[in-house]
């Protein structure tokens, strides 16, 4: 099994470059696994598919404006050197309890070695203290006021590369879920972008519970695989997660768990294995890689956006509903001109 087995033809114009005018205005393809069929609907219809006993599970991570632009300033201790070449930094995750030491991707990465300094606006400065795998670096930031306040002002939201424009003010609101709380992601859990407070209230009014868990989206979620690589040999980059005792209790009481997005799905399936068949309060890291042949123990229904060809996310969805059914549904979505990827339309798999 290779990524080449999960390919489909996608016209570039179907890749959504902007969010829809209304947050909850997406189309929704409803796929029935048991019957092997699908039908076209609207996301506004989503609450009608839930009822008493359902637990709608939301990833409440918040996207950090994690893309910072600075300049190289030579090695630490080499005073008087003016900043030179431009450097792009993408913060991935903190490596200690202090907010000042981060794992990051640095571009251009090959030239930037241990001891180098990078200076940013508003007096923020970082020193490279370690080289990591996959081109990452560990950066130690110098305090300049409050770190997160400065990053919030000078940072850019890390829109994925298939959105071929710079981030703008609209993304400050629309590339976050309305229930985002716990800051720490390098990308949005995009299936949740469709929800509004009104949709969530409609879900609750039908007797379903809403449950919040956390998985901070990092390299693991969007890590690519070469087309000729054996999927079974691939390892995901681990990402941080948390499940509270209240969330665990609500999930254990549910008759059906409806996961919002692949990040929630991976967290749920990891956590239920930690608890040996039930949920418990837990936190840590998960590198769970879900591909066809995986046996789901927690998730009974899944809301997800449309994913890139050959991606680990498409493999997860194919594991849940069957590869042939999913690829056929994707072909239908292309024919019907659905919008794809982060700001695109969605799919509900029952």
Protein backbone atom coordinates (compact mmCIF):
# COMPACT_ATOMS: atom_id res chain seq x y z
CA UNK A 1 0.00 0.00 0.00
CA UNK A 2 1.49 3.33 -1.13
CA UNK A 3 0.20 6.92 -1.38
CA UNK A 4 -0.24 6.30 -5.10
CA UNK A 5 -3.24 4.12 -4.15
CA UNK A 6 -4.98 7.22 -2.74
CA UNK A 7 -4.83 9.55 -5.73
CA UNK A 8 -7.64 11.37 -7.50
CA UNK A 9 -7.85 14.06 -10.17
CA UNK A 10 -8.57 17.51 -8.78
CA UNK A 11 -8.91 20.60 -11.01
CA UNK A 12 -6.90 23.40 -9.35
CA UNK A 13 -9.83 25.81 -9.51
CA UNK A 14 -11.71 23.66 -6.97
CA UNK A 15 -9.14 24.41 -4.25
CA UNK A 16 -10.83 27.02 -2.06
CA UNK A 17 -8.73 30.17 -1.73
CA UNK A 18 -11.15 32.09 0.50
CA UNK A 19 -13.59 31.07 3.26
CA UNK A 20 -17.25 30.97 2.21
CA UNK A 21 -19.21 34.21 2.75
CA UNK A 22 -21.06 32.60 5.67
CA UNK A 23 -19.15 30.41 8.13
CA UNK A 24 -21.84 27.71 8.08
CA UNK A 25 -22.56 28.10 4.36
CA UNK A 26 -20.61 25.08 3.08
CA UNK A 27 -22.03 22.20 1.12
CA UNK A 28 -21.92 18.78 2.79
CA UNK A 29 -21.66 15.39 1.11
CA UNK A 30 -23.34 12.78 3.32
CA UNK A 31 -21.80 9.31 2.92
CA UNK A 32 -23.53 6.20 4.28
CA UNK A 33 -20.97 3.45 4.93
CA UNK A 34 -23.54 0.70 5.40
CA UNK A 35 -25.42 1.39 2.17
CA UNK A 36 -22.35 2.47 0.19
CA UNK A 37 -24.13 5.57 -1.07
CA UNK A 38 -23.98 9.35 -0.70
CA UNK A 39 -26.20 12.35 -1.16
CA UNK A 40 -25.68 16.08 -1.49
CA UNK A 41 -26.72 18.30 1.42
CA UNK A 42 -25.74 21.53 3.16
CA UNK A 43 -23.81 21.94 6.37
CA UNK A 44 -26.82 23.83 7.75
CA UNK A 45 -28.53 20.39 7.81
CA UNK A 46 -25.85 18.92 10.09
CA UNK A 47 -27.80 19.10 13.41
CA UNK A 48 -30.58 16.98 11.92
CA UNK A 49 -28.21 13.99 11.82
CA UNK A 50 -27.64 14.06 15.60
CA UNK A 51 -29.82 13.21 18.56
CA UNK A 52 -29.89 11.93 22.17
CA UNK A 53 -26.94 9.72 23.01
CA UNK A 54 -24.61 11.39 20.53
CA UNK A 55 -21.42 13.12 21.67
CA UNK A 56 -20.17 15.67 19.15
CA UNK A 57 -16.42 15.84 19.82
CA UNK A 58 -14.60 19.09 19.04
CA UNK A 59 -10.87 19.85 18.98
CA UNK A 60 -10.61 23.17 20.85
CA UNK A 61 -7.01 23.94 19.89
CA UNK A 62 -6.30 27.53 18.83
CA UNK A 63 -4.03 28.45 15.93
CA UNK A 64 -1.02 30.55 16.84
CA UNK A 65 0.01 33.20 14.27
CA UNK A 66 3.09 31.04 14.04
CA UNK A 67 4.77 32.35 10.88
CA UNK A 68 7.35 34.97 11.82
CA UNK A 69 9.60 36.92 9.47
CA UNK A 70 12.98 38.06 10.73
CA UNK A 71 16.60 38.52 9.67
CA UNK A 72 19.83 36.69 10.38
CA UNK A 73 22.01 38.56 12.86
CA UNK A 74 25.11 36.39 13.11
CA UNK A 75 26.20 34.19 15.99
CA UNK A 76 25.40 34.86 19.62
CA UNK A 77 28.18 36.93 21.19
CA UNK A 78 29.21 38.52 17.88
CA UNK A 79 28.09 42.05 18.64
CA UNK A 80 27.76 44.82 16.14
CA UNK A 81 26.66 42.73 13.17
CA UNK A 82 23.73 44.27 11.29
CA UNK A 83 20.86 41.91 10.44
CA UNK A 84 21.22 40.51 6.92
CA UNK A 85 19.24 37.89 4.99
CA UNK A 86 15.52 37.41 5.55
CA UNK A 87 14.46 34.33 7.52
CA UNK A 88 11.01 32.75 7.75
CA UNK A 89 10.22 30.88 10.97
CA UNK A 90 7.27 28.57 11.57
CA UNK A 91 6.73 27.80 15.27
CA UNK A 92 5.65 24.19 15.77
CA UNK A 93 5.48 23.57 19.51
CA UNK A 94 7.07 24.64 22.80
CA UNK A 95 9.71 22.28 24.17
CA UNK A 96 9.42 23.25 27.83
CA UNK A 97 6.98 24.85 30.25
CA UNK A 98 8.51 28.21 29.37
CA UNK A 99 6.98 29.81 26.25
CA UNK A 100 10.45 30.94 25.13
CA UNK A 101 11.90 27.68 23.73
CA UNK A 102 10.25 26.31 20.58
CA UNK A 103 10.70 23.68 17.92
CA UNK A 104 10.41 25.49 14.59
CA UNK A 105 10.97 25.16 10.88
CA UNK A 106 13.38 27.78 9.56
CA UNK A 107 13.73 28.83 5.93
CA UNK A 108 16.36 28.82 4.50
CA UNK A 109 17.24 26.07 6.95
CA UNK A 110 20.53 24.62 5.72
CA UNK A 111 22.49 27.81 6.35
CA UNK A 112 21.22 28.45 9.86
CA UNK A 113 23.18 26.52 12.45
CA UNK A 114 23.50 26.33 16.23
CA UNK A 115 24.42 29.67 17.76
CA UNK A 116 22.88 31.84 15.04
CA UNK A 117 20.60 34.69 16.05
CA UNK A 118 17.41 35.77 14.29
CA UNK A 119 15.91 39.18 15.03
CA UNK A 120 12.26 40.09 14.52
CA UNK A 121 10.16 43.22 14.91
CA UNK A 122 9.39 44.74 18.33
CA UNK A 123 12.71 43.61 19.81
CA UNK A 124 11.99 39.89 19.66
CA UNK A 125 15.12 37.76 19.12
CA UNK A 126 15.81 34.03 18.88
CA UNK A 127 18.98 31.93 19.15
CA UNK A 128 19.32 28.52 17.52
CA UNK A 129 20.20 26.05 20.28
CA UNK A 130 19.67 22.67 18.58
CA UNK A 131 19.26 21.04 15.18
CA UNK A 132 16.36 18.62 14.84
CA UNK A 133 14.97 16.07 12.41
CA UNK A 134 13.22 16.97 9.15
CA UNK A 135 15.01 20.33 9.02
CA UNK A 136 13.64 21.62 12.32
CA UNK A 137 15.51 23.81 14.81
CA UNK A 138 15.07 24.52 18.49
CA UNK A 139 14.90 28.28 19.07
CA UNK A 140 15.28 30.08 22.38
CA UNK A 141 13.58 33.47 22.33
CA UNK A 142 14.78 36.45 24.28
CA UNK A 143 12.03 38.02 26.41
CA UNK A 144 10.82 41.34 25.10
CA UNK A 145 7.68 42.14 27.01
CA UNK A 146 5.18 39.31 26.72
CA UNK A 147 6.14 36.71 24.14
CA UNK A 148 2.63 35.71 23.04
CA UNK A 149 1.45 39.32 22.85
CA UNK A 150 4.31 40.16 20.50
CA UNK A 151 3.74 37.04 18.39
CA UNK A 152 0.02 37.86 18.15
CA UNK A 153 0.93 41.28 16.75
CA UNK A 154 3.79 40.46 14.39
CA UNK A 155 2.99 36.85 13.46
CA UNK A 156 1.10 35.63 10.42
CA UNK A 157 -1.41 32.79 10.37
CA UNK A 158 0.24 29.77 8.71
CA UNK A 159 -2.15 29.22 5.83
CA UNK A 160 -1.35 26.01 3.93
CA UNK A 161 0.66 26.35 0.70
CA UNK A 162 -2.28 25.45 -1.54
CA UNK A 163 -3.92 28.74 -0.49
CA UNK A 164 -1.94 30.90 -2.85
CA UNK A 165 -2.20 34.26 -1.17
CA UNK A 166 -0.93 36.02 1.92
CA UNK A 167 -2.96 35.78 5.10
CA UNK A 168 -5.22 38.76 5.81
CA UNK A 169 -7.58 40.14 8.43
CA UNK A 170 -10.37 37.77 7.37
CA UNK A 171 -8.18 34.81 8.30
CA UNK A 172 -7.68 36.10 11.86
CA UNK A 173 -11.31 35.16 12.48
CA UNK A 174 -12.13 32.53 9.89
CA UNK A 175 -9.03 30.33 10.28
CA UNK A 176 -10.05 29.73 13.91
CA UNK A 177 -12.97 27.67 15.16
CA UNK A 178 -15.57 29.56 17.23
CA UNK A 179 -14.78 27.24 20.15
CA UNK A 180 -10.97 27.52 19.99
CA UNK A 181 -9.39 28.00 23.42
CA UNK A 182 -6.04 26.33 23.99
CA UNK A 183 -3.38 28.11 21.91
CA UNK A 184 -0.77 25.86 20.33
CA UNK A 185 -1.53 24.75 16.75
CA UNK A 186 0.43 25.46 13.59
CA UNK A 187 -2.70 24.85 11.49
CA UNK A 188 -6.45 24.84 12.00
CA UNK A 189 -8.53 21.69 12.58
CA UNK A 190 -10.48 22.64 9.48
CA UNK A 191 -13.61 20.49 9.84
CA UNK A 192 -14.50 22.68 12.82
CA UNK A 193 -14.35 25.91 10.83
CA UNK A 194 -17.95 25.41 9.66
CA UNK A 195 -19.52 25.63 13.11
CA UNK A 196 -21.28 28.71 14.48
CA UNK A 197 -22.71 29.19 17.97
CA UNK A 198 -26.16 28.76 16.43
CA UNK A 199 -25.28 25.41 14.84
CA UNK A 200 -23.82 24.17 18.13
CA UNK A 201 -26.93 25.24 19.99
CA UNK A 202 -29.08 23.43 17.42
CA UNK A 203 -27.01 20.27 18.06
CA UNK A 204 -27.62 20.55 21.81
CA UNK A 205 -31.32 21.27 21.32
CA UNK A 206 -31.65 17.88 19.63
CA UNK A 207 -30.33 16.19 22.78
CA UNK A 208 -26.73 15.62 21.68
CA UNK A 209 -23.80 16.53 23.91
CA UNK A 210 -20.81 18.59 22.80
CA UNK A 211 -17.44 17.46 24.17
CA UNK A 212 -14.15 19.32 23.86
CA UNK A 213 -10.75 17.66 23.61
CA UNK A 214 -7.41 19.07 22.45
CA UNK A 215 -4.88 18.04 19.85
CA UNK A 216 -2.37 20.69 18.83
CA UNK A 217 -1.93 20.39 15.09
CA UNK A 218 1.69 20.13 13.99
CA UNK A 219 3.82 18.23 11.50
CA UNK A 220 2.08 14.91 12.11
CA UNK A 221 -1.25 15.98 10.66
CA UNK A 222 0.12 17.32 7.38
CA UNK A 223 3.27 15.29 6.94
CA UNK A 224 3.56 14.14 3.34
CA UNK A 225 4.68 10.73 2.10
CA UNK A 226 6.48 10.05 -1.17
CA UNK A 227 4.33 8.20 -3.70
CA UNK A 228 6.48 5.05 -3.72
CA UNK A 229 6.87 4.68 0.06
CA UNK A 230 5.23 1.73 1.81
CA UNK A 231 2.47 3.25 3.96
CA UNK A 232 2.95 0.59 6.63
CA UNK A 233 6.54 1.74 7.19
CA UNK A 234 5.65 5.41 7.64
CA UNK A 235 5.87 7.07 11.08
CA UNK A 236 3.93 10.21 11.98
CA UNK A 237 5.46 13.09 13.89
CA UNK A 238 3.96 13.07 17.42
CA UNK A 239 1.53 15.83 18.43
CA UNK A 240 0.38 16.99 21.89
CA UNK A 241 -3.10 16.09 23.13
CA UNK A 242 -5.23 16.42 26.26
CA UNK A 243 -8.50 14.90 27.44
CA UNK A 244 -10.04 16.09 30.70
CA UNK A 245 -11.88 13.89 33.20
CA UNK A 246 -15.18 15.62 32.30
CA UNK A 247 -14.63 14.94 28.60
CA UNK A 248 -13.79 11.30 29.33
CA UNK A 249 -16.95 10.85 31.39
CA UNK A 250 -19.15 12.37 28.69
CA UNK A 251 -17.60 10.16 26.02
CA UNK A 252 -18.00 7.02 28.12
CA UNK A 253 -21.70 7.86 28.56
CA UNK A 254 -22.31 8.36 24.82
CA UNK A 255 -24.05 5.84 22.58
CA UNK A 256 -22.32 7.26 19.50
CA UNK A 257 -19.27 9.49 19.21
CA UNK A 258 -19.34 11.92 16.28
CA UNK A 259 -15.82 13.20 15.66
CA UNK A 260 -15.28 16.61 14.12
CA UNK A 261 -12.19 16.20 11.98
CA UNK A 262 -9.27 13.83 11.66
CA UNK A 263 -7.47 15.43 14.62
CA UNK A 264 -10.34 14.59 16.96
CA UNK A 265 -10.49 11.10 15.47
CA UNK A 266 -6.82 10.38 16.11
CA UNK A 267 -7.08 11.72 19.67
CA UNK A 268 -10.15 9.64 20.45
CA UNK A 269 -8.72 6.43 19.03
CA UNK A 270 -5.43 6.98 20.85
CA UNK A 271 -7.15 7.76 24.16
CA UNK A 272 -9.48 4.78 24.13
CA UNK A 273 -6.48 2.51 23.65
CA UNK A 274 -4.73 4.14 26.59
CA UNK A 275 -7.81 3.39 28.70
CA UNK A 276 -8.07 -0.19 27.39
CA UNK A 277 -11.53 0.27 25.94
CA UNK A 278 -12.83 3.29 27.87
CA UNK A 279 -11.82 6.91 28.27
CA UNK A 280 -9.83 8.39 31.13
CA UNK A 281 -8.30 11.79 31.78
CA UNK A 282 -5.05 11.81 29.81
CA UNK A 283 -2.46 14.03 28.21
CA UNK A 284 0.73 13.46 26.30
CA UNK A 285 1.70 12.91 22.69
CA UNK A 286 0.26 10.75 19.95
CA UNK A 287 1.75 9.55 16.68
CA UNK A 288 -1.19 7.28 15.86
CA UNK A 289 -1.29 6.69 12.10
CA UNK A 290 -4.67 5.49 10.81
CA UNK A 291 -4.84 3.80 7.39
CA UNK A 292 -7.03 1.06 5.84
CA UNK A 293 -7.12 -2.02 8.03
CA UNK A 294 -7.32 0.02 11.24
CA UNK A 295 -10.02 -1.10 13.69
CA UNK A 296 -11.96 1.85 15.10
CA UNK A 297 -12.93 1.51 18.75
CA UNK A 298 -14.34 4.98 19.50
CA UNK A 299 -15.62 6.92 16.51
CA UNK A 300 -19.07 6.16 15.12
CA UNK A 301 -19.47 9.05 12.67
CA UNK A 302 -17.05 11.59 11.22
CA UNK A 303 -17.36 15.13 9.88
CA UNK A 304 -14.34 16.04 7.78
CA UNK A 305 -13.24 18.32 4.96
CA UNK A 306 -11.94 17.04 1.62
CA UNK A 307 -8.24 16.13 1.76
CA UNK A 308 -5.21 16.19 -0.50
CA UNK A 309 -4.52 13.27 -2.84
CA UNK A 310 -2.13 10.75 -1.32
CA UNK A 311 -2.27 12.36 2.13
CA UNK A 312 -2.34 10.61 5.50
CA UNK A 313 -5.66 12.39 6.13
CA UNK A 314 -7.25 10.79 3.07
CA UNK A 315 -5.89 7.44 4.29
CA UNK A 316 -7.62 7.96 7.65
CA UNK A 317 -10.96 8.73 5.97
CA UNK A 318 -10.50 5.72 3.69
CA UNK A 319 -9.88 3.55 6.75
CA UNK A 320 -13.16 4.74 8.25
CA UNK A 321 -15.41 4.35 5.20
CA UNK A 322 -13.48 2.14 2.77
CA UNK A 323 -11.07 3.36 0.10
CA UNK A 324 -13.24 2.57 -2.92
CA UNK A 325 -16.30 4.27 -1.44
CA UNK A 326 -14.33 7.36 -0.47
CA UNK A 327 -12.58 7.71 -3.83
CA UNK A 328 -15.93 7.28 -5.62
CA UNK A 329 -17.46 9.95 -3.37
CA UNK A 330 -14.51 12.23 -4.10
CA UNK A 331 -15.04 11.79 -7.83
CA UNK A 332 -18.68 12.78 -7.34
CA UNK A 333 -17.57 15.85 -5.35
CA UNK A 334 -15.26 16.88 -8.19
CA UNK A 335 -18.03 16.41 -10.76
CA UNK A 336 -20.42 18.49 -8.63
CA UNK A 337 -17.82 21.23 -8.18
CA UNK A 338 -17.44 20.97 -4.40
CA UNK A 339 -14.77 23.22 -2.90
CA UNK A 340 -11.73 21.39 -1.52
CA UNK A 341 -9.32 21.57 1.43
CA UNK A 342 -9.12 23.96 4.39
CA UNK A 343 -11.69 26.58 3.36
CA UNK A 344 -13.73 24.14 1.28
CA UNK A 345 -16.86 22.08 1.74
CA UNK A 346 -17.23 19.07 4.02
CA UNK A 347 -18.25 15.42 4.19
CA UNK A 348 -20.31 13.68 6.88
CA UNK A 349 -19.61 9.95 7.07
CA UNK A 350 -22.28 7.91 8.87
